[in-house]
ModelCIF file with pLDDT and N, C-alpha, C, O atoms, coordinates in Angstrom:
data_MODEL
#
_entry.id   MODEL 
#
_entity.id                         1 
_entity.type                       polymer 
_entity.pdbx_number_of_molecules   1 
#
_entity_poly.entity_id                      1 
_entity_poly.type                           'polypeptide(L)' 
_entity_poly.nstd_linkage                   no 
_entity_poly.nstd_monomer                   no 
_entity_poly.pdbx_seq_one_letter_code       
;(UNK)(UNK)(UNK)(UNK)(UNK)(UNK)(UNK)(UNK)(UNK)(UNK)(UNK)(UNK)(UNK)(UNK)(UNK)(UNK)
(UNK)(UNK)(UNK)(UNK)(UNK)(UNK)(UNK)(UNK)(UNK)(UNK)(UNK)(UNK)(UNK)(UNK)(UNK)(UNK)
(UNK)(UNK)(UNK)(UNK)(UNK)(UNK)(UNK)(UNK)(UNK)(UNK)(UNK)(UNK)(UNK)(UNK)(UNK)
;
_entity_poly.pdbx_seq_one_letter_code_can   XXXXXXXXXXXXXXXXXXXXXXXXXXXXXXXXXXXXXXXXXXXXXXX 
_entity_poly.pdbx_strand_id                 A 
#
loop_
_entity_poly_seq.entity_id 
_entity_poly_seq.num 
_entity_poly_seq.mon_id 
_entity_poly_seq.hetero 
1 1  UNK n 
1 2  UNK n 
1 3  UNK n 
1 4  UNK n 
1 5  UNK n 
1 6  UNK n 
1 7  UNK n 
1 8  UNK n 
1 9  UNK n 
1 10 UNK n 
1 11 UNK n 
1 12 UNK n 
1 13 UNK n 
1 14 UNK n 
1 15 UNK n 
1 16 UNK n 
1 17 UNK n 
1 18 UNK n 
1 19 UNK n 
1 20 UNK n 
1 21 UNK n 
1 22 UNK n 
1 23 UNK n 
1 24 UNK n 
1 25 UNK n 
1 26 UNK n 
1 27 UNK n 
1 28 UNK n 
1 29 UNK n 
1 30 UNK n 
1 31 UNK n 
1 32 UNK n 
1 33 UNK n 
1 34 UNK n 
1 35 UNK n 
1 36 UNK n 
1 37 UNK n 
1 38 UNK n 
1 39 UNK n 
1 40 UNK n 
1 41 UNK n 
1 42 UNK n 
1 43 UNK n 
1 44 UNK n 
1 45 UNK n 
1 46 UNK n 
1 47 UNK n 
#
_struct_asym.id          A 
_struct_asym.entity_id   1 
#
loop_
_ma_qa_metric.id 
_ma_qa_metric.mode 
_ma_qa_metric.name 
_ma_qa_metric.software_group_id 
_ma_qa_metric.type 
1 global pLDDT . pLDDT 
2 local  pLDDT . pLDDT 
#
_ma_qa_metric_global.metric_id      1 
_ma_qa_metric_global.metric_value   96.30 
_ma_qa_metric_global.model_id       1 
_ma_qa_metric_global.ordinal_id     1 
#
loop_
_ma_qa_metric_local.label_asym_id 
_ma_qa_metric_local.label_comp_id 
_ma_qa_metric_local.label_seq_id 
_ma_qa_metric_local.metric_id 
_ma_qa_metric_local.metric_value 
_ma_qa_metric_local.model_id 
_ma_qa_metric_local.ordinal_id 
A UNK 1  2 96.00 1 1  
A UNK 2  2 92.00 1 2  
A UNK 3  2 88.00 1 3  
A UNK 4  2 88.00 1 4  
A UNK 5  2 93.00 1 5  
A UNK 6  2 94.00 1 6  
A UNK 7  2 94.00 1 7  
A UNK 8  2 96.00 1 8  
A UNK 9  2 97.00 1 9  
A UNK 10 2 95.00 1 10 
A UNK 11 2 96.00 1 11 
A UNK 12 2 97.00 1 12 
A UNK 13 2 97.00 1 13 
A UNK 14 2 95.00 1 14 
A UNK 15 2 96.00 1 15 
A UNK 16 2 97.00 1 16 
A UNK 17 2 96.00 1 17 
A UNK 18 2 97.00 1 18 
A UNK 19 2 97.00 1 19 
A UNK 20 2 97.00 1 20 
A UNK 21 2 97.00 1 21 
A UNK 22 2 98.00 1 22 
A UNK 23 2 98.00 1 23 
A UNK 24 2 98.00 1 24 
A UNK 25 2 98.00 1 25 
A UNK 26 2 98.00 1 26 
A UNK 27 2 98.00 1 27 
A UNK 28 2 98.00 1 28 
A UNK 29 2 98.00 1 29 
A UNK 30 2 98.00 1 30 
A UNK 31 2 97.00 1 31 
A UNK 32 2 95.00 1 32 
A UNK 33 2 97.00 1 33 
A UNK 34 2 98.00 1 34 
A UNK 35 2 98.00 1 35 
A UNK 36 2 98.00 1 36 
A UNK 37 2 98.00 1 37 
A UNK 38 2 98.00 1 38 
A UNK 39 2 98.00 1 39 
A UNK 40 2 97.00 1 40 
A UNK 41 2 96.00 1 41 
A UNK 42 2 96.00 1 42 
A UNK 43 2 97.00 1 43 
A UNK 44 2 97.00 1 44 
A UNK 45 2 96.00 1 45 
A UNK 46 2 96.00 1 46 
A UNK 47 2 97.00 1 47 
#
loop_
_atom_site.group_PDB 
_atom_site.id 
_atom_site.type_symbol 
_atom_site.label_atom_id 
_atom_site.label_alt_id 
_atom_site.label_comp_id 
_atom_site.label_asym_id 
_atom_site.label_entity_id 
_atom_site.label_seq_id 
_atom_site.pdbx_PDB_ins_code 
_atom_site.Cartn_x 
_atom_site.Cartn_y 
_atom_site.Cartn_z 
_atom_site.occupancy 
_atom_site.B_iso_or_equiv 
_atom_site.pdbx_formal_charge 
_atom_site.auth_seq_id 
_atom_site.auth_comp_id 
_atom_site.auth_asym_id 
_atom_site.auth_atom_id 
_atom_site.pdbx_PDB_model_num 
ATOM 1   N N  . UNK A 1 1  ? -8.537 -11.765 16.849  1.00 96.00 ? 1  UNK A N  1 
ATOM 2   C CA . UNK A 1 1  ? -7.566 -12.623 17.315  1.00 96.00 ? 1  UNK A CA 1 
ATOM 3   C C  . UNK A 1 1  ? -7.291 -12.031 18.746  1.00 96.00 ? 1  UNK A C  1 
ATOM 4   O O  . UNK A 1 1  ? -6.892 -12.817 19.605  1.00 96.00 ? 1  UNK A O  1 
ATOM 5   N N  . UNK A 1 2  ? -7.496 -10.524 19.116  1.00 92.00 ? 2  UNK A N  1 
ATOM 6   C CA . UNK A 1 2  ? -6.860 -10.059 20.149  1.00 92.00 ? 2  UNK A CA 1 
ATOM 7   C C  . UNK A 1 2  ? -8.015 -8.945  20.478  1.00 92.00 ? 2  UNK A C  1 
ATOM 8   O O  . UNK A 1 2  ? -8.650 -8.570  19.493  1.00 92.00 ? 2  UNK A O  1 
ATOM 9   N N  . UNK A 1 3  ? -8.340 -8.413  21.647  1.00 88.00 ? 3  UNK A N  1 
ATOM 10  C CA . UNK A 1 3  ? -9.288 -7.447  22.211  1.00 88.00 ? 3  UNK A CA 1 
ATOM 11  C C  . UNK A 1 3  ? -8.695 -6.318  21.644  1.00 88.00 ? 3  UNK A C  1 
ATOM 12  O O  . UNK A 1 3  ? -9.254 -5.540  20.871  1.00 88.00 ? 3  UNK A O  1 
ATOM 13  N N  . UNK A 1 4  ? -7.140 -6.226  22.192  1.00 88.00 ? 4  UNK A N  1 
ATOM 14  C CA . UNK A 1 4  ? -6.629 -4.926  22.298  1.00 88.00 ? 4  UNK A CA 1 
ATOM 15  C C  . UNK A 1 4  ? -5.403 -5.591  21.318  1.00 88.00 ? 4  UNK A C  1 
ATOM 16  O O  . UNK A 1 4  ? -4.500 -6.188  21.904  1.00 88.00 ? 4  UNK A O  1 
ATOM 17  N N  . UNK A 1 5  ? -5.375 -5.528  20.361  1.00 93.00 ? 5  UNK A N  1 
ATOM 18  C CA . UNK A 1 5  ? -3.851 -6.086  19.255  1.00 93.00 ? 5  UNK A CA 1 
ATOM 19  C C  . UNK A 1 5  ? -3.250 -4.712  19.142  1.00 93.00 ? 5  UNK A C  1 
ATOM 20  O O  . UNK A 1 5  ? -3.775 -3.633  18.868  1.00 93.00 ? 5  UNK A O  1 
ATOM 21  N N  . UNK A 1 6  ? -1.485 -5.179  19.547  1.00 94.00 ? 6  UNK A N  1 
ATOM 22  C CA . UNK A 1 6  ? -0.472 -4.471  19.295  1.00 94.00 ? 6  UNK A CA 1 
ATOM 23  C C  . UNK A 1 6  ? -0.715 -3.250  18.149  1.00 94.00 ? 6  UNK A C  1 
ATOM 24  O O  . UNK A 1 6  ? -1.068 -3.542  17.006  1.00 94.00 ? 6  UNK A O  1 
ATOM 25  N N  . UNK A 1 7  ? -0.492 -1.872  18.568  1.00 94.00 ? 7  UNK A N  1 
ATOM 26  C CA . UNK A 1 7  ? -0.754 -1.139  17.540  1.00 94.00 ? 7  UNK A CA 1 
ATOM 27  C C  . UNK A 1 7  ? 0.128  -0.949  16.502  1.00 94.00 ? 7  UNK A C  1 
ATOM 28  O O  . UNK A 1 7  ? -0.202 -0.299  15.510  1.00 94.00 ? 7  UNK A O  1 
ATOM 29  N N  . UNK A 1 8  ? 1.080  -1.387  16.609  1.00 96.00 ? 8  UNK A N  1 
ATOM 30  C CA . UNK A 1 8  ? 2.429  -1.851  15.778  1.00 96.00 ? 8  UNK A CA 1 
ATOM 31  C C  . UNK A 1 8  ? 2.141  -2.759  14.457  1.00 96.00 ? 8  UNK A C  1 
ATOM 32  O O  . UNK A 1 8  ? 2.393  -2.508  13.278  1.00 96.00 ? 8  UNK A O  1 
ATOM 33  N N  . UNK A 1 9  ? 1.575  -3.813  15.004  1.00 97.00 ? 9  UNK A N  1 
ATOM 34  C CA . UNK A 1 9  ? 1.286  -4.609  13.984  1.00 97.00 ? 9  UNK A CA 1 
ATOM 35  C C  . UNK A 1 9  ? -0.096 -4.257  13.520  1.00 97.00 ? 9  UNK A C  1 
ATOM 36  O O  . UNK A 1 9  ? -0.316 -4.466  12.327  1.00 97.00 ? 9  UNK A O  1 
ATOM 37  N N  . UNK A 1 10 ? -1.169 -3.708  14.327  1.00 95.00 ? 10 UNK A N  1 
ATOM 38  C CA . UNK A 1 10 ? -2.325 -3.047  13.057  1.00 95.00 ? 10 UNK A CA 1 
ATOM 39  C C  . UNK A 1 10 ? -2.108 -2.384  12.198  1.00 95.00 ? 10 UNK A C  1 
ATOM 40  O O  . UNK A 1 10 ? -2.914 -2.370  11.268  1.00 95.00 ? 10 UNK A O  1 
ATOM 41  N N  . UNK A 1 11 ? -0.801 -1.470  12.145  1.00 96.00 ? 11 UNK A N  1 
ATOM 42  C CA . UNK A 1 11 ? -0.685 -0.690  11.282  1.00 96.00 ? 11 UNK A CA 1 
ATOM 43  C C  . UNK A 1 11 ? 0.158  -1.623  9.996   1.00 96.00 ? 11 UNK A C  1 
ATOM 44  O O  . UNK A 1 11 ? -0.015 -1.736  8.782   1.00 96.00 ? 11 UNK A O  1 
ATOM 45  N N  . UNK A 1 12 ? 0.923  -2.069  10.770  1.00 97.00 ? 12 UNK A N  1 
ATOM 46  C CA . UNK A 1 12 ? 1.428  -3.432  9.648   1.00 97.00 ? 12 UNK A CA 1 
ATOM 47  C C  . UNK A 1 12 ? 0.669  -4.042  8.975   1.00 97.00 ? 12 UNK A C  1 
ATOM 48  O O  . UNK A 1 12 ? 1.059  -4.472  7.890   1.00 97.00 ? 12 UNK A O  1 
ATOM 49  N N  . UNK A 1 13 ? -0.607 -4.260  9.402   1.00 97.00 ? 13 UNK A N  1 
ATOM 50  C CA . UNK A 1 13 ? -1.274 -5.028  8.934   1.00 97.00 ? 13 UNK A CA 1 
ATOM 51  C C  . UNK A 1 13 ? -2.770 -4.032  7.769   1.00 97.00 ? 13 UNK A C  1 
ATOM 52  O O  . UNK A 1 13 ? -3.146 -4.397  6.655   1.00 97.00 ? 13 UNK A O  1 
ATOM 53  N N  . UNK A 1 14 ? -3.228 -2.930  8.477   1.00 95.00 ? 14 UNK A N  1 
ATOM 54  C CA . UNK A 1 14 ? -3.928 -2.485  8.048   1.00 95.00 ? 14 UNK A CA 1 
ATOM 55  C C  . UNK A 1 14 ? -3.158 -1.372  6.681   1.00 95.00 ? 14 UNK A C  1 
ATOM 56  O O  . UNK A 1 14 ? -3.798 -1.076  5.672   1.00 95.00 ? 14 UNK A O  1 
ATOM 57  N N  . UNK A 1 15 ? -1.812 -0.923  6.920   1.00 96.00 ? 15 UNK A N  1 
ATOM 58  C CA . UNK A 1 15 ? -0.804 -0.459  5.688   1.00 96.00 ? 15 UNK A CA 1 
ATOM 59  C C  . UNK A 1 15 ? -1.341 -1.206  4.103   1.00 96.00 ? 15 UNK A C  1 
ATOM 60  O O  . UNK A 1 15 ? -1.518 -0.582  3.057   1.00 96.00 ? 15 UNK A O  1 
ATOM 61  N N  . UNK A 1 16 ? -1.531 -2.765  4.322   1.00 97.00 ? 16 UNK A N  1 
ATOM 62  C CA . UNK A 1 16 ? -1.463 -3.530  3.130   1.00 97.00 ? 16 UNK A CA 1 
ATOM 63  C C  . UNK A 1 16 ? -2.622 -2.993  1.975   1.00 97.00 ? 16 UNK A C  1 
ATOM 64  O O  . UNK A 1 16 ? -2.477 -2.862  0.759   1.00 97.00 ? 16 UNK A O  1 
ATOM 65  N N  . UNK A 1 17 ? -3.876 -2.723  2.867   1.00 96.00 ? 17 UNK A N  1 
ATOM 66  C CA . UNK A 1 17 ? -4.916 -2.273  2.129   1.00 96.00 ? 17 UNK A CA 1 
ATOM 67  C C  . UNK A 1 17 ? -4.436 -1.464  1.088   1.00 96.00 ? 17 UNK A C  1 
ATOM 68  O O  . UNK A 1 17 ? -4.507 -1.836  -0.083  1.00 96.00 ? 17 UNK A O  1 
ATOM 69  N N  . UNK A 1 18 ? -4.023 -0.541  1.373   1.00 97.00 ? 18 UNK A N  1 
ATOM 70  C CA . UNK A 1 18 ? -3.380 0.667   0.356   1.00 97.00 ? 18 UNK A CA 1 
ATOM 71  C C  . UNK A 1 18 ? -2.190 -0.077  -0.604  1.00 97.00 ? 18 UNK A C  1 
ATOM 72  O O  . UNK A 1 18 ? -2.329 0.017   -1.823  1.00 97.00 ? 18 UNK A O  1 
ATOM 73  N N  . UNK A 1 19 ? -1.435 -0.554  -0.252  1.00 97.00 ? 19 UNK A N  1 
ATOM 74  C CA . UNK A 1 19 ? -0.644 -1.038  -1.051  1.00 97.00 ? 19 UNK A CA 1 
ATOM 75  C C  . UNK A 1 19 ? -0.801 -1.858  -2.309  1.00 97.00 ? 19 UNK A C  1 
ATOM 76  O O  . UNK A 1 19 ? -0.085 -1.885  -3.310  1.00 97.00 ? 19 UNK A O  1 
ATOM 77  N N  . UNK A 1 20 ? -2.270 -2.738  -1.929  1.00 97.00 ? 20 UNK A N  1 
ATOM 78  C CA . UNK A 1 20 ? -2.569 -3.398  -2.707  1.00 97.00 ? 20 UNK A CA 1 
ATOM 79  C C  . UNK A 1 20 ? -3.674 -2.445  -3.906  1.00 97.00 ? 20 UNK A C  1 
ATOM 80  O O  . UNK A 1 20 ? -3.904 -2.732  -5.080  1.00 97.00 ? 20 UNK A O  1 
ATOM 81  N N  . UNK A 1 21 ? -4.066 -1.567  -3.303  1.00 97.00 ? 21 UNK A N  1 
ATOM 82  C CA . UNK A 1 21 ? -4.899 -0.655  -4.856  1.00 97.00 ? 21 UNK A CA 1 
ATOM 83  C C  . UNK A 1 21 ? -3.763 0.472   -5.051  1.00 97.00 ? 21 UNK A C  1 
ATOM 84  O O  . UNK A 1 21 ? -3.890 1.122   -6.089  1.00 97.00 ? 21 UNK A O  1 
ATOM 85  N N  . UNK A 1 22 ? -3.137 0.667   -4.577  1.00 98.00 ? 22 UNK A N  1 
ATOM 86  C CA . UNK A 1 22 ? -1.808 1.194   -5.455  1.00 98.00 ? 22 UNK A CA 1 
ATOM 87  C C  . UNK A 1 22 ? -1.505 0.513   -6.389  1.00 98.00 ? 22 UNK A C  1 
ATOM 88  O O  . UNK A 1 22 ? -1.704 0.947   -7.524  1.00 98.00 ? 22 UNK A O  1 
ATOM 89  N N  . UNK A 1 23 ? -1.015 -0.575  -6.214  1.00 98.00 ? 23 UNK A N  1 
ATOM 90  C CA . UNK A 1 23 ? -0.058 -1.497  -7.046  1.00 98.00 ? 23 UNK A CA 1 
ATOM 91  C C  . UNK A 1 23 ? -1.321 -1.827  -8.420  1.00 98.00 ? 23 UNK A C  1 
ATOM 92  O O  . UNK A 1 23 ? -1.111 -1.684  -9.625  1.00 98.00 ? 23 UNK A O  1 
ATOM 93  N N  . UNK A 1 24 ? -2.167 -2.130  -7.988  1.00 98.00 ? 24 UNK A N  1 
ATOM 94  C CA . UNK A 1 24 ? -3.704 -2.243  -8.749  1.00 98.00 ? 24 UNK A CA 1 
ATOM 95  C C  . UNK A 1 24 ? -3.604 -1.173  -9.784  1.00 98.00 ? 24 UNK A C  1 
ATOM 96  O O  . UNK A 1 24 ? -3.183 -1.411  -10.916 1.00 98.00 ? 24 UNK A O  1 
ATOM 97  N N  . UNK A 1 25 ? -4.058 0.207   -9.323  1.00 98.00 ? 25 UNK A N  1 
ATOM 98  C CA . UNK A 1 25 ? -4.042 1.413   -10.212 1.00 98.00 ? 25 UNK A CA 1 
ATOM 99  C C  . UNK A 1 25 ? -3.032 1.169   -10.750 1.00 98.00 ? 25 UNK A C  1 
ATOM 100 O O  . UNK A 1 25 ? -3.325 0.883   -11.911 1.00 98.00 ? 25 UNK A O  1 
ATOM 101 N N  . UNK A 1 26 ? -1.621 1.083   -10.557 1.00 98.00 ? 26 UNK A N  1 
ATOM 102 C CA . UNK A 1 26 ? -0.307 1.070   -11.582 1.00 98.00 ? 26 UNK A CA 1 
ATOM 103 C C  . UNK A 1 26 ? -0.568 0.206   -12.555 1.00 98.00 ? 26 UNK A C  1 
ATOM 104 O O  . UNK A 1 26 ? -0.534 0.671   -13.695 1.00 98.00 ? 26 UNK A O  1 
ATOM 105 N N  . UNK A 1 27 ? -0.851 -1.069  -12.414 1.00 98.00 ? 27 UNK A N  1 
ATOM 106 C CA . UNK A 1 27 ? -1.215 -1.876  -13.367 1.00 98.00 ? 27 UNK A CA 1 
ATOM 107 C C  . UNK A 1 27 ? -2.276 -1.279  -14.075 1.00 98.00 ? 27 UNK A C  1 
ATOM 108 O O  . UNK A 1 27 ? -1.943 -1.328  -15.259 1.00 98.00 ? 27 UNK A O  1 
ATOM 109 N N  . UNK A 1 28 ? -3.308 -0.776  -13.978 1.00 98.00 ? 28 UNK A N  1 
ATOM 110 C CA . UNK A 1 28 ? -4.402 -0.796  -14.803 1.00 98.00 ? 28 UNK A CA 1 
ATOM 111 C C  . UNK A 1 28 ? -4.202 0.613   -15.365 1.00 98.00 ? 28 UNK A C  1 
ATOM 112 O O  . UNK A 1 28 ? -4.922 0.797   -16.347 1.00 98.00 ? 28 UNK A O  1 
ATOM 113 N N  . UNK A 1 29 ? -3.389 1.737   -15.016 1.00 98.00 ? 29 UNK A N  1 
ATOM 114 C CA . UNK A 1 29 ? -2.569 2.454   -15.865 1.00 98.00 ? 29 UNK A CA 1 
ATOM 115 C C  . UNK A 1 29 ? -1.882 1.855   -16.746 1.00 98.00 ? 29 UNK A C  1 
ATOM 116 O O  . UNK A 1 29 ? -2.127 2.282   -17.874 1.00 98.00 ? 29 UNK A O  1 
ATOM 117 N N  . UNK A 1 30 ? -0.887 0.791   -16.699 1.00 98.00 ? 30 UNK A N  1 
ATOM 118 C CA . UNK A 1 30 ? -0.014 0.602   -17.377 1.00 98.00 ? 30 UNK A CA 1 
ATOM 119 C C  . UNK A 1 30 ? -0.602 -0.293  -18.613 1.00 98.00 ? 30 UNK A C  1 
ATOM 120 O O  . UNK A 1 30 ? -0.122 -0.160  -19.739 1.00 98.00 ? 30 UNK A O  1 
ATOM 121 N N  . UNK A 1 31 ? -1.498 -1.066  -18.390 1.00 97.00 ? 31 UNK A N  1 
ATOM 122 C CA . UNK A 1 31 ? -2.684 -1.353  -19.288 1.00 97.00 ? 31 UNK A CA 1 
ATOM 123 C C  . UNK A 1 31 ? -3.239 -0.280  -20.360 1.00 97.00 ? 31 UNK A C  1 
ATOM 124 O O  . UNK A 1 31 ? -3.360 -0.539  -21.558 1.00 97.00 ? 31 UNK A O  1 
ATOM 125 N N  . UNK A 1 32 ? -3.443 0.505   -19.983 1.00 95.00 ? 32 UNK A N  1 
ATOM 126 C CA . UNK A 1 32 ? -3.765 1.689   -20.813 1.00 95.00 ? 32 UNK A CA 1 
ATOM 127 C C  . UNK A 1 32 ? -2.907 2.224   -21.843 1.00 95.00 ? 32 UNK A C  1 
ATOM 128 O O  . UNK A 1 32 ? -3.277 2.610   -22.952 1.00 95.00 ? 32 UNK A O  1 
ATOM 129 N N  . UNK A 1 33 ? -1.531 2.215   -21.309 1.00 97.00 ? 33 UNK A N  1 
ATOM 130 C CA . UNK A 1 33 ? -0.213 2.595   -22.226 1.00 97.00 ? 33 UNK A CA 1 
ATOM 131 C C  . UNK A 1 33 ? 0.018  3.643   -21.134 1.00 97.00 ? 33 UNK A C  1 
ATOM 132 O O  . UNK A 1 33 ? 0.674  4.463   -21.776 1.00 97.00 ? 33 UNK A O  1 
ATOM 133 N N  . UNK A 1 34 ? -0.067 4.021   -20.213 1.00 98.00 ? 34 UNK A N  1 
ATOM 134 C CA . UNK A 1 34 ? 0.494  5.226   -19.123 1.00 98.00 ? 34 UNK A CA 1 
ATOM 135 C C  . UNK A 1 34 ? 1.784  4.372   -18.285 1.00 98.00 ? 34 UNK A C  1 
ATOM 136 O O  . UNK A 1 34 ? 1.866  3.283   -17.717 1.00 98.00 ? 34 UNK A O  1 
ATOM 137 N N  . UNK A 1 35 ? 2.516  5.270   -18.497 1.00 98.00 ? 35 UNK A N  1 
ATOM 138 C CA . UNK A 1 35 ? 3.943  4.293   -17.216 1.00 98.00 ? 35 UNK A CA 1 
ATOM 139 C C  . UNK A 1 35 ? 3.244  5.088   -15.984 1.00 98.00 ? 35 UNK A C  1 
ATOM 140 O O  . UNK A 1 35 ? 2.739  6.180   -15.724 1.00 98.00 ? 35 UNK A O  1 
ATOM 141 N N  . UNK A 1 36 ? 3.467  4.150   -15.544 1.00 98.00 ? 36 UNK A N  1 
ATOM 142 C CA . UNK A 1 36 ? 3.313  4.061   -14.176 1.00 98.00 ? 36 UNK A CA 1 
ATOM 143 C C  . UNK A 1 36 ? 3.896  3.506   -12.536 1.00 98.00 ? 36 UNK A C  1 
ATOM 144 O O  . UNK A 1 36 ? 3.527  2.375   -12.217 1.00 98.00 ? 36 UNK A O  1 
ATOM 145 N N  . UNK A 1 37 ? 4.433  3.976   -11.925 1.00 98.00 ? 37 UNK A N  1 
ATOM 146 C CA . UNK A 1 37 ? 5.088  3.352   -10.780 1.00 98.00 ? 37 UNK A CA 1 
ATOM 147 C C  . UNK A 1 37 ? 4.260  3.508   -9.292  1.00 98.00 ? 37 UNK A C  1 
ATOM 148 O O  . UNK A 1 37 ? 3.437  4.421   -9.228  1.00 98.00 ? 37 UNK A O  1 
ATOM 149 N N  . UNK A 1 38 ? 4.392  2.935   -8.504  1.00 98.00 ? 38 UNK A N  1 
ATOM 150 C CA . UNK A 1 38 ? 3.706  2.637   -7.499  1.00 98.00 ? 38 UNK A CA 1 
ATOM 151 C C  . UNK A 1 38 ? 4.280  2.599   -6.227  1.00 98.00 ? 38 UNK A C  1 
ATOM 152 O O  . UNK A 1 38 ? 4.962  1.590   -6.046  1.00 98.00 ? 38 UNK A O  1 
ATOM 153 N N  . UNK A 1 39 ? 4.219  3.401   -5.259  1.00 98.00 ? 39 UNK A N  1 
ATOM 154 C CA . UNK A 1 39 ? 5.250  3.650   -4.443  1.00 98.00 ? 39 UNK A CA 1 
ATOM 155 C C  . UNK A 1 39 ? 4.387  3.295   -2.717  1.00 98.00 ? 39 UNK A C  1 
ATOM 156 O O  . UNK A 1 39 ? 3.214  3.622   -2.536  1.00 98.00 ? 39 UNK A O  1 
ATOM 157 N N  . UNK A 1 40 ? 5.249  2.588   -1.602  1.00 97.00 ? 40 UNK A N  1 
ATOM 158 C CA . UNK A 1 40 ? 4.497  2.759   -0.446  1.00 97.00 ? 40 UNK A CA 1 
ATOM 159 C C  . UNK A 1 40 ? 5.041  3.681   0.729   1.00 97.00 ? 40 UNK A C  1 
ATOM 160 O O  . UNK A 1 40 ? 6.239  3.945   0.626   1.00 97.00 ? 40 UNK A O  1 
ATOM 161 N N  . UNK A 1 41 ? 4.467  4.149   1.686   1.00 96.00 ? 41 UNK A N  1 
ATOM 162 C CA . UNK A 1 41 ? 4.689  5.624   2.009   1.00 96.00 ? 41 UNK A CA 1 
ATOM 163 C C  . UNK A 1 41 ? 6.640  5.663   2.772   1.00 96.00 ? 41 UNK A C  1 
ATOM 164 O O  . UNK A 1 41 ? 7.466  6.573   2.842   1.00 96.00 ? 41 UNK A O  1 
ATOM 165 N N  . UNK A 1 42 ? 6.674  4.141   3.216   1.00 96.00 ? 42 UNK A N  1 
ATOM 166 C CA . UNK A 1 42 ? 7.860  4.097   3.670   1.00 96.00 ? 42 UNK A CA 1 
ATOM 167 C C  . UNK A 1 42 ? 9.232  4.008   2.229   1.00 96.00 ? 42 UNK A C  1 
ATOM 168 O O  . UNK A 1 42 ? 10.450 4.096   2.384   1.00 96.00 ? 42 UNK A O  1 
ATOM 169 N N  . UNK A 1 43 ? 8.600  3.846   1.154   1.00 97.00 ? 43 UNK A N  1 
ATOM 170 C CA . UNK A 1 43 ? 9.611  3.763   0.039   1.00 97.00 ? 43 UNK A CA 1 
ATOM 171 C C  . UNK A 1 43 ? 9.824  5.058   -0.327  1.00 97.00 ? 43 UNK A C  1 
ATOM 172 O O  . UNK A 1 43 ? 10.904 5.223   -0.894  1.00 97.00 ? 43 UNK A O  1 
ATOM 173 N N  . UNK A 1 44 ? 8.891  6.410   -0.139  1.00 97.00 ? 44 UNK A N  1 
ATOM 174 C CA . UNK A 1 44 ? 8.744  7.570   -0.843  1.00 97.00 ? 44 UNK A CA 1 
ATOM 175 C C  . UNK A 1 44 ? 10.148 8.283   -0.065  1.00 97.00 ? 44 UNK A C  1 
ATOM 176 O O  . UNK A 1 44 ? 10.912 8.760   -0.904  1.00 97.00 ? 44 UNK A O  1 
ATOM 177 N N  . UNK A 1 45 ? 10.540 8.414   1.112   1.00 96.00 ? 45 UNK A N  1 
ATOM 178 C CA . UNK A 1 45 ? 9.936  8.350   2.563   1.00 96.00 ? 45 UNK A CA 1 
ATOM 179 C C  . UNK A 1 45 ? 8.820  9.388   3.046   1.00 96.00 ? 45 UNK A C  1 
ATOM 180 O O  . UNK A 1 45 ? 9.165  10.563  3.180   1.00 96.00 ? 45 UNK A O  1 
ATOM 181 N N  . UNK A 1 46 ? 7.596  9.041   3.294   1.00 96.00 ? 46 UNK A N  1 
ATOM 182 C CA . UNK A 1 46 ? 6.601  9.526   3.812   1.00 96.00 ? 46 UNK A CA 1 
ATOM 183 C C  . UNK A 1 46 ? 6.996  9.181   5.970   1.00 96.00 ? 46 UNK A C  1 
ATOM 184 O O  . UNK A 1 46 ? 6.729  8.286   6.772   1.00 96.00 ? 46 UNK A O  1 
ATOM 185 N N  . UNK A 1 47 ? 7.716  10.493  6.008   1.00 97.00 ? 47 UNK A N  1 
ATOM 186 C CA . UNK A 1 47 ? 8.215  10.419  7.734   1.00 97.00 ? 47 UNK A CA 1 
ATOM 187 C C  . UNK A 1 47 ? 7.219  11.253  8.468   1.00 97.00 ? 47 UNK A C  1 
ATOM 188 O O  . UNK A 1 47 ? 7.308  11.390  9.688   1.00 97.00 ? 47 UNK A O  1 
#
């Protein structure tokens, strides 16, 4: 879409990768009977 994308929007986009894998891992743990909860960095928060 752009040779030099806005860095803020790049971060918004790139952060979704870890959010997806974290949620999937929490689901996988729950499926094995282990209570789990996932958090994105902003929810912790990691400042």
